[in-house]
């Protein structure tokens, strides 16, 4: 593959679709190709998560439906590890854009863009009885507007009739229509426009339930024995291998916690080398998105760790703790403005596969690479590319 040619094509595509501002990231002419055993893990994970979500919906008596779900996967020294799962369309349009940019150059992990879009439209028609829909975003998620516009255009090329609106723009006549939610579930508690919108009981997918966004389901997977009994042995094997062990920080530490402590605050007295854990909000809070609440315990002093746990245990919000494992670094070429000159970036990598909820099939897989940070989220200084099947 001619990386220079692919890079120029990708750069030109961003200009053509007016995405340079709305899809900010460093442009690369390379895809990322995992090892064969990692590809197998990615494929197996989709089927296992499909079963987990569907069995959890029944177990907890929660009606839930969405077109897709997306785990965040770190490539660690112990292999692929899932740190959280989302059901929002955030990043999905970017993955489609990248899929479009590379699919003529090489084989990619997942489906052709046209097939993905047709499946989305089919999902929508079965749920709503028609092909018209509105992607609706809040003030908080307005930064995704450009991605949503791009996604709606791709869907409309494949039989859809989608548009994009801010919640503040919704009129009374719009409530007869169907919406695809592009805001976080917690916003219906905090944002006045979202409160007004949800109080009118709109027809909306995915429905609003904090349980299916973030880390709640992962924490319950490790603590709820009744839920685990509903899963097949094959699914348990896959999830036990690929999930970061995840525990809610409440009461006393669980018996299976890898460090012997009587109270959570006792982690402060453990040497940094053994205090390799990550503390995060489980979800359903502004601080749970975009890495705002993440704390790496081995980076903090004893006093800071003790204060953190005292604060968490007094807080009504849910917090979780996971082991920290070193993230794999890769080197990749990029160009900031055009491909007249290439640079190299060595950074940590995160994979975000998008799966169809109905089947568990891999739709596509995006990778994000950033340097000098443990927070591997998409940003203007990150390289976002698609994952190949080579």
Protein backbone atom coordinates (compact mmCIF):
# COMPACT_ATOMS: atom_id res chain seq x y z
CA UNK A 1 0.00 0.00 0.00
CA UNK A 2 1.26 3.49 -0.87
CA UNK A 3 0.94 5.28 2.49
CA UNK A 4 1.65 8.65 0.91
CA UNK A 5 -1.17 8.22 -1.60
CA UNK A 6 -3.61 7.00 1.04
CA UNK A 7 -2.67 9.91 3.29
CA UNK A 8 -3.23 12.47 0.55
CA UNK A 9 -6.56 10.81 -0.32
CA UNK A 10 -7.62 10.93 3.34
CA UNK A 11 -6.57 14.56 3.65
CA UNK A 12 -8.47 15.47 0.46
CA UNK A 13 -11.53 13.63 1.79
CA UNK A 14 -11.52 15.76 4.91
CA UNK A 15 -11.49 18.92 2.80
CA UNK A 16 -14.17 17.58 0.46
CA UNK A 17 -16.55 16.74 3.31
CA UNK A 18 -15.70 19.87 5.33
CA UNK A 19 -14.57 17.65 8.20
CA UNK A 20 -11.19 19.22 8.92
CA UNK A 21 -12.66 21.31 11.72
CA UNK A 22 -15.40 18.95 12.84
CA UNK A 23 -13.24 15.81 12.78
CA UNK A 24 -9.97 17.08 14.29
CA UNK A 25 -7.17 14.51 14.35
CA UNK A 26 -3.75 13.95 12.81
CA UNK A 27 -3.86 12.43 9.34
CA UNK A 28 -2.01 9.18 8.62
CA UNK A 29 -1.62 7.01 5.56
CA UNK A 30 -1.38 3.85 7.68
CA UNK A 31 -3.92 1.50 9.15
CA UNK A 32 -3.33 -0.56 12.29
CA UNK A 33 -3.23 -4.33 11.97
CA UNK A 34 -3.50 -6.42 15.16
CA UNK A 35 -2.02 -9.89 15.54
CA UNK A 36 -4.25 -12.76 14.41
CA UNK A 37 -5.05 -13.81 18.00
CA UNK A 38 -6.05 -10.20 18.78
CA UNK A 39 -8.39 -10.16 15.76
CA UNK A 40 -9.98 -13.36 17.03
CA UNK A 41 -10.45 -11.76 20.46
CA UNK A 42 -12.13 -8.74 18.85
CA UNK A 43 -14.55 -10.96 16.90
CA UNK A 44 -15.28 -13.19 19.92
CA UNK A 45 -15.87 -10.17 22.15
CA UNK A 46 -18.77 -8.90 20.02
CA UNK A 47 -20.68 -12.16 20.40
CA UNK A 48 -19.95 -12.33 24.14
CA UNK A 49 -21.05 -8.73 24.75
CA UNK A 50 -24.24 -9.28 22.76
CA UNK A 51 -25.13 -12.14 25.10
CA UNK A 52 -24.14 -10.15 28.20
CA UNK A 53 -26.31 -7.17 27.23
CA UNK A 54 -29.31 -9.27 26.28
CA UNK A 55 -29.12 -11.49 29.40
CA UNK A 56 -28.55 -8.46 31.63
CA UNK A 57 -31.63 -6.75 30.14
CA UNK A 58 -33.75 -9.72 31.15
CA UNK A 59 -32.00 -10.25 34.50
CA UNK A 60 -32.42 -6.64 35.60
CA UNK A 61 -35.81 -6.27 33.89
CA UNK A 62 -34.59 -3.35 31.82
CA UNK A 63 -35.88 -2.76 28.32
CA UNK A 64 -32.95 -1.67 26.19
CA UNK A 65 -32.34 -1.44 22.48
CA UNK A 66 -29.69 0.20 20.35
CA UNK A 67 -28.13 -0.27 16.95
CA UNK A 68 -24.58 -0.57 18.24
CA UNK A 69 -22.33 -0.93 21.24
CA UNK A 70 -18.67 0.00 21.53
CA UNK A 71 -16.12 -1.19 24.08
CA UNK A 72 -12.91 0.73 24.72
CA UNK A 73 -9.99 -1.71 24.48
CA UNK A 74 -6.43 -1.14 25.60
CA UNK A 75 -3.59 -3.23 24.19
CA UNK A 76 -1.73 -4.06 27.39
CA UNK A 77 1.22 -6.21 28.42
CA UNK A 78 -1.38 -8.92 29.15
CA UNK A 79 -3.18 -8.61 25.82
CA UNK A 80 -6.43 -6.87 24.93
CA UNK A 81 -8.39 -5.50 27.90
CA UNK A 82 -11.80 -3.79 27.91
CA UNK A 83 -12.05 -0.80 30.26
CA UNK A 84 -15.61 0.37 29.49
CA UNK A 85 -18.53 -0.05 27.08
CA UNK A 86 -20.63 2.64 25.41
CA UNK A 87 -23.81 2.51 23.36
CA UNK A 88 -23.64 6.06 21.99
CA UNK A 89 -22.90 7.00 18.36
CA UNK A 90 -19.96 9.18 19.45
CA UNK A 91 -16.95 8.29 17.31
CA UNK A 92 -19.02 6.02 15.07
CA UNK A 93 -19.22 8.61 12.29
CA UNK A 94 -15.45 9.07 12.49
CA UNK A 95 -14.98 5.32 12.12
CA UNK A 96 -17.27 5.39 9.06
CA UNK A 97 -15.31 8.30 7.60
CA UNK A 98 -12.07 6.37 8.07
CA UNK A 99 -13.65 3.19 6.69
CA UNK A 100 -14.69 5.14 3.60
CA UNK A 101 -11.20 6.59 3.20
CA UNK A 102 -9.35 3.28 3.38
CA UNK A 103 -11.73 0.59 2.08
CA UNK A 104 -10.61 1.02 -1.54
CA UNK A 105 -6.98 0.50 -0.56
CA UNK A 106 -6.97 -2.63 1.56
CA UNK A 107 -9.10 -5.16 3.42
CA UNK A 108 -10.45 -3.82 6.70
CA UNK A 109 -11.73 -5.57 9.80
CA UNK A 110 -15.52 -5.44 9.60
CA UNK A 111 -18.02 -4.66 6.85
CA UNK A 112 -18.22 -2.35 3.86
CA UNK A 113 -19.63 1.09 4.67
CA UNK A 114 -22.68 0.52 2.44
CA UNK A 115 -23.49 -2.70 4.34
CA UNK A 116 -23.14 -0.97 7.72
CA UNK A 117 -25.42 1.86 6.63
CA UNK A 118 -28.01 -0.55 5.22
CA UNK A 119 -28.05 -2.45 8.51
CA UNK A 120 -28.58 0.80 10.41
CA UNK A 121 -31.48 1.80 8.14
CA UNK A 122 -32.97 -1.71 8.46
CA UNK A 123 -32.75 -1.46 12.27
CA UNK A 124 -34.47 1.92 12.13
CA UNK A 125 -37.27 0.77 9.83
CA UNK A 126 -38.04 -2.24 12.04
CA UNK A 127 -38.16 -0.08 15.17
CA UNK A 128 -40.02 2.93 13.80
CA UNK A 129 -41.91 1.72 10.74
CA UNK A 130 -40.15 4.23 8.47
CA UNK A 131 -36.77 5.52 7.36
CA UNK A 132 -36.98 9.06 8.81
CA UNK A 133 -34.99 9.89 11.92
CA UNK A 134 -33.33 12.76 13.77
CA UNK A 135 -29.93 12.61 15.43
CA UNK A 136 -30.37 14.84 18.44
CA UNK A 137 -27.51 16.41 20.39
CA UNK A 138 -27.22 18.61 23.47
CA UNK A 139 -25.13 21.67 24.19
CA UNK A 140 -22.66 19.35 25.91
CA UNK A 141 -22.28 17.11 22.85
CA UNK A 142 -22.41 19.81 20.18
CA UNK A 143 -18.79 19.04 19.34
CA UNK A 144 -20.08 15.88 17.63
CA UNK A 145 -22.39 17.81 15.30
CA UNK A 146 -20.03 17.56 12.33
CA UNK A 147 -19.70 13.81 12.76
CA UNK A 148 -23.47 13.38 13.02
CA UNK A 149 -24.05 15.40 9.84
CA UNK A 150 -21.54 13.20 8.01
CA UNK A 151 -23.20 10.04 9.37
CA UNK A 152 -26.67 11.18 8.32
CA UNK A 153 -25.40 11.86 4.79
CA UNK A 154 -23.96 8.33 4.58
CA UNK A 155 -27.24 6.84 5.83
CA UNK A 156 -29.27 8.88 3.34
CA UNK A 157 -27.17 7.48 0.49
CA UNK A 158 -28.32 4.03 1.59
CA UNK A 159 -32.05 4.44 1.97
CA UNK A 160 -32.32 6.60 5.09
CA UNK A 161 -33.93 9.98 5.64
CA UNK A 162 -31.94 11.38 8.58
CA UNK A 163 -31.29 14.90 9.80
CA UNK A 164 -29.40 16.44 12.73
CA UNK A 165 -30.85 18.85 15.30
CA UNK A 166 -29.93 20.42 18.61
CA UNK A 167 -32.36 19.68 21.44
CA UNK A 168 -32.99 23.41 21.78
CA UNK A 169 -34.31 23.43 18.19
CA UNK A 170 -36.97 20.76 18.72
CA UNK A 171 -40.55 21.91 18.10
CA UNK A 172 -43.79 20.36 19.34
CA UNK A 173 -44.47 18.92 15.89
CA UNK A 174 -41.15 17.04 16.03
CA UNK A 175 -42.30 14.78 18.89
CA UNK A 176 -44.26 12.67 16.44
CA UNK A 177 -40.94 11.64 14.90
CA UNK A 178 -38.23 9.23 16.07
CA UNK A 179 -34.88 10.29 17.49
CA UNK A 180 -31.47 8.68 17.77
CA UNK A 181 -29.88 9.90 20.99
CA UNK A 182 -26.53 11.67 20.76
CA UNK A 183 -26.35 12.92 24.33
CA UNK A 184 -25.46 11.23 27.59
CA UNK A 185 -28.11 9.64 29.80
CA UNK A 186 -27.21 11.77 32.84
CA UNK A 187 -28.00 14.99 30.96
CA UNK A 188 -31.73 14.55 31.46
CA UNK A 189 -31.08 15.31 35.13
CA UNK A 190 -28.93 18.41 34.65
CA UNK A 191 -29.60 20.20 31.36
CA UNK A 192 -32.84 22.24 31.13
CA UNK A 193 -33.27 21.64 27.38
CA UNK A 194 -32.73 17.90 27.81
CA UNK A 195 -35.12 17.85 30.79
CA UNK A 196 -37.80 19.53 28.69
CA UNK A 197 -37.18 17.15 25.80
CA UNK A 198 -37.31 13.95 27.87
CA UNK A 199 -40.33 15.12 29.87
CA UNK A 200 -42.32 14.96 26.61
CA UNK A 201 -41.56 11.23 26.43
CA UNK A 202 -40.04 11.24 22.93
CA UNK A 203 -39.60 8.16 20.77
CA UNK A 204 -35.88 7.70 21.26
CA UNK A 205 -33.15 5.10 20.67
CA UNK A 206 -31.16 4.06 22.58
CA UNK A 207 -33.47 4.63 25.51
CA UNK A 208 -32.15 6.50 28.53
CA UNK A 209 -30.68 4.13 31.10
CA UNK A 210 -27.39 4.84 32.87
CA UNK A 211 -26.89 1.12 33.41
CA UNK A 212 -25.88 0.53 29.79
CA UNK A 213 -23.36 3.36 29.49
CA UNK A 214 -19.84 3.25 30.91
CA UNK A 215 -18.79 0.76 33.55
CA UNK A 216 -21.90 -0.26 35.52
CA UNK A 217 -22.46 -3.47 33.60
CA UNK A 218 -18.78 -4.45 33.86
CA UNK A 219 -18.78 -3.97 37.63
CA UNK A 220 -21.97 -6.02 38.01
CA UNK A 221 -20.50 -8.74 35.82
CA UNK A 222 -17.84 -9.32 38.47
CA UNK A 223 -20.10 -8.91 41.52
CA UNK A 224 -23.48 -10.40 40.55
CA UNK A 225 -23.25 -14.20 40.68
CA UNK A 226 -26.84 -14.58 39.49
CA UNK A 227 -26.04 -12.64 36.32
CA UNK A 228 -22.97 -14.76 35.66
CA UNK A 229 -25.03 -17.95 35.99
CA UNK A 230 -27.22 -16.80 33.10
CA UNK A 231 -24.23 -16.66 30.74
CA UNK A 232 -22.79 -19.56 28.76
CA UNK A 233 -19.39 -20.97 29.66
CA UNK A 234 -18.01 -19.72 26.35
CA UNK A 235 -19.10 -16.14 27.07
CA UNK A 236 -17.73 -16.28 30.62
CA UNK A 237 -14.38 -17.48 29.30
CA UNK A 238 -14.17 -14.65 26.77
CA UNK A 239 -15.23 -11.90 29.16
CA UNK A 240 -13.04 -13.14 32.02
CA UNK A 241 -10.10 -12.99 29.65
CA UNK A 242 -10.84 -9.62 28.03
CA UNK A 243 -12.50 -7.54 30.77
CA UNK A 244 -10.44 -5.54 33.21
CA UNK A 245 -11.59 -6.84 36.63
CA UNK A 246 -13.91 -4.06 37.81
CA UNK A 247 -15.19 -3.39 41.33
CA UNK A 248 -17.49 -0.73 42.78
CA UNK A 249 -15.80 1.28 45.53
CA UNK A 250 -18.29 0.87 48.36
CA UNK A 251 -18.34 -0.74 51.78
CA UNK A 252 -15.44 -3.11 52.32
CA UNK A 253 -13.13 -4.30 49.53
CA UNK A 254 -14.29 -7.60 47.98
CA UNK A 255 -12.62 -10.87 48.96
CA UNK A 256 -11.30 -11.37 45.43
CA UNK A 257 -9.52 -7.99 45.36
CA UNK A 258 -5.91 -8.68 44.29
CA UNK A 259 -4.35 -6.76 47.19
CA UNK A 260 -5.11 -7.78 50.78
CA UNK A 261 -6.66 -4.74 52.45
CA UNK A 262 -9.35 -4.31 55.12
CA UNK A 263 -10.52 -0.88 53.99
CA UNK A 264 -10.22 1.03 50.72
CA UNK A 265 -8.12 3.73 52.39
CA UNK A 266 -5.50 1.04 53.15
CA UNK A 267 -4.38 1.30 49.51
CA UNK A 268 -2.64 4.52 50.55
CA UNK A 269 -0.15 2.57 52.70
CA UNK A 270 0.81 0.17 49.91
CA UNK A 271 4.00 0.93 47.91
CA UNK A 272 3.43 2.59 44.53
CA UNK A 273 4.77 -0.50 42.75
CA UNK A 274 1.85 -2.53 44.17
CA UNK A 275 -0.67 0.31 43.96
CA UNK A 276 -1.15 -0.01 40.21
CA UNK A 277 -4.88 0.68 39.96
CA UNK A 278 -7.13 3.13 38.11
CA UNK A 279 -10.08 4.83 39.84
CA UNK A 280 -12.92 6.25 37.72
CA UNK A 281 -16.56 7.25 37.92
CA UNK A 282 -18.81 4.44 36.73
CA UNK A 283 -20.92 6.76 34.58
CA UNK A 284 -24.09 8.87 34.77
CA UNK A 285 -22.16 12.02 35.66
CA UNK A 286 -20.39 14.82 33.72
CA UNK A 287 -17.12 13.80 35.33
CA UNK A 288 -17.44 10.29 33.90
CA UNK A 289 -16.97 11.38 30.29
CA UNK A 290 -13.81 12.38 28.45
CA UNK A 291 -11.40 11.08 31.15
CA UNK A 292 -12.28 13.83 33.64
CA UNK A 293 -12.50 11.59 36.72
CA UNK A 294 -9.64 9.16 36.08
CA UNK A 295 -6.96 8.80 38.76
CA UNK A 296 -3.92 6.53 38.47
CA UNK A 297 -3.16 5.53 42.05
CA UNK A 298 0.52 4.77 41.41
CA UNK A 299 0.93 8.38 40.27
CA UNK A 300 -0.41 9.80 43.56
CA UNK A 301 1.10 10.23 47.03
CA UNK A 302 -0.14 8.33 50.10
CA UNK A 303 -1.91 11.43 51.36
CA UNK A 304 -3.62 12.02 48.02
CA UNK A 305 -4.80 8.39 47.78
CA UNK A 306 -6.21 8.45 51.31
CA UNK A 307 -8.05 11.71 50.65
CA UNK A 308 -9.41 10.35 47.38
CA UNK A 309 -11.00 7.30 48.99
CA UNK A 310 -12.40 9.29 51.91
CA UNK A 311 -14.06 11.60 49.41
CA UNK A 312 -15.38 8.74 47.26
CA UNK A 313 -16.88 6.85 50.19
CA UNK A 314 -18.82 9.97 51.22
CA UNK A 315 -20.07 10.51 47.66
CA UNK A 316 -23.44 9.28 46.43
CA UNK A 317 -22.04 8.78 42.93
CA UNK A 318 -20.74 5.40 41.87
CA UNK A 319 -17.00 4.89 41.49
CA UNK A 320 -15.10 1.86 40.26
CA UNK A 321 -11.54 0.59 40.50
CA UNK A 322 -9.63 -1.49 37.93
CA UNK A 323 -6.07 -2.83 37.72
CA UNK A 324 -3.62 -0.74 35.71
CA UNK A 325 -1.56 -2.55 33.08
CA UNK A 326 1.10 -0.99 30.87
CA UNK A 327 -0.26 0.02 27.47
CA UNK A 328 1.45 -1.05 24.28
CA UNK A 329 3.15 1.64 22.20
CA UNK A 330 3.35 1.71 18.41
CA UNK A 331 5.07 4.00 15.91
CA UNK A 332 3.04 5.50 13.08
CA UNK A 333 3.54 8.18 10.42
CA UNK A 334 1.40 11.29 10.25
CA UNK A 335 1.14 14.72 8.66
CA UNK A 336 -0.56 17.67 10.29
CA UNK A 337 -1.54 19.69 7.22
CA UNK A 338 -0.60 17.84 4.04
CA UNK A 339 1.65 15.02 2.98
CA UNK A 340 4.54 17.09 1.71
CA UNK A 341 6.44 16.01 4.84
CA UNK A 342 5.85 13.03 7.14
CA UNK A 343 6.60 12.75 10.84
CA UNK A 344 6.72 9.81 13.23
CA UNK A 345 4.72 9.46 16.42
CA UNK A 346 5.26 6.78 19.06
CA UNK A 347 2.34 6.48 21.42
CA UNK A 348 -0.07 4.27 23.29
CA UNK A 349 -2.99 2.76 21.43
CA UNK A 350 -6.67 2.20 22.13
CA UNK A 351 -9.04 0.16 19.95
CA UNK A 352 -12.74 0.97 19.65
CA UNK A 353 -14.65 -1.74 17.81
CA UNK A 354 -18.24 -0.98 16.84
CA UNK A 355 -20.56 -3.99 16.96
CA UNK A 356 -24.13 -4.48 15.80
CA UNK A 357 -26.23 -5.08 18.91
CA UNK A 358 -28.62 -7.48 17.16
CA UNK A 359 -25.96 -9.88 15.85
CA UNK A 360 -22.71 -9.06 17.68
CA UNK A 361 -21.03 -8.67 14.28
CA UNK A 362 -18.00 -6.40 13.95
CA UNK A 363 -19.04 -3.31 11.97
CA UNK A 364 -15.58 -1.75 12.00
CA UNK A 365 -12.72 -1.01 14.39
CA UNK A 366 -11.08 2.37 14.96
CA UNK A 367 -7.74 2.90 16.69
CA UNK A 368 -6.55 6.00 18.54
CA UNK A 369 -2.86 6.66 19.18
CA UNK A 370 -1.56 9.44 21.42
CA UNK A 371 1.87 10.19 22.83
CA UNK A 372 2.97 11.28 26.32
CA UNK A 373 -0.31 10.39 27.99
CA UNK A 374 -2.08 7.50 29.68
CA UNK A 375 -5.43 9.03 28.63
CA UNK A 376 -5.90 7.54 25.17
CA UNK A 377 -9.00 9.45 24.07
CA UNK A 378 -9.57 10.99 20.68
CA UNK A 379 -8.23 14.53 20.56
CA UNK A 380 -6.70 16.99 18.12
CA UNK A 381 -3.23 15.61 18.96
CA UNK A 382 -4.24 11.98 18.39
CA UNK A 383 -3.88 9.82 15.32
CA UNK A 384 -7.16 8.12 14.48
CA UNK A 385 -7.07 5.36 11.91
CA UNK A 386 -8.99 2.25 10.97
CA UNK A 387 -8.01 -1.35 11.74
CA UNK A 388 -7.09 -3.58 8.81
CA UNK A 389 -7.56 -7.31 8.34
CA UNK A 390 -4.14 -7.89 6.75
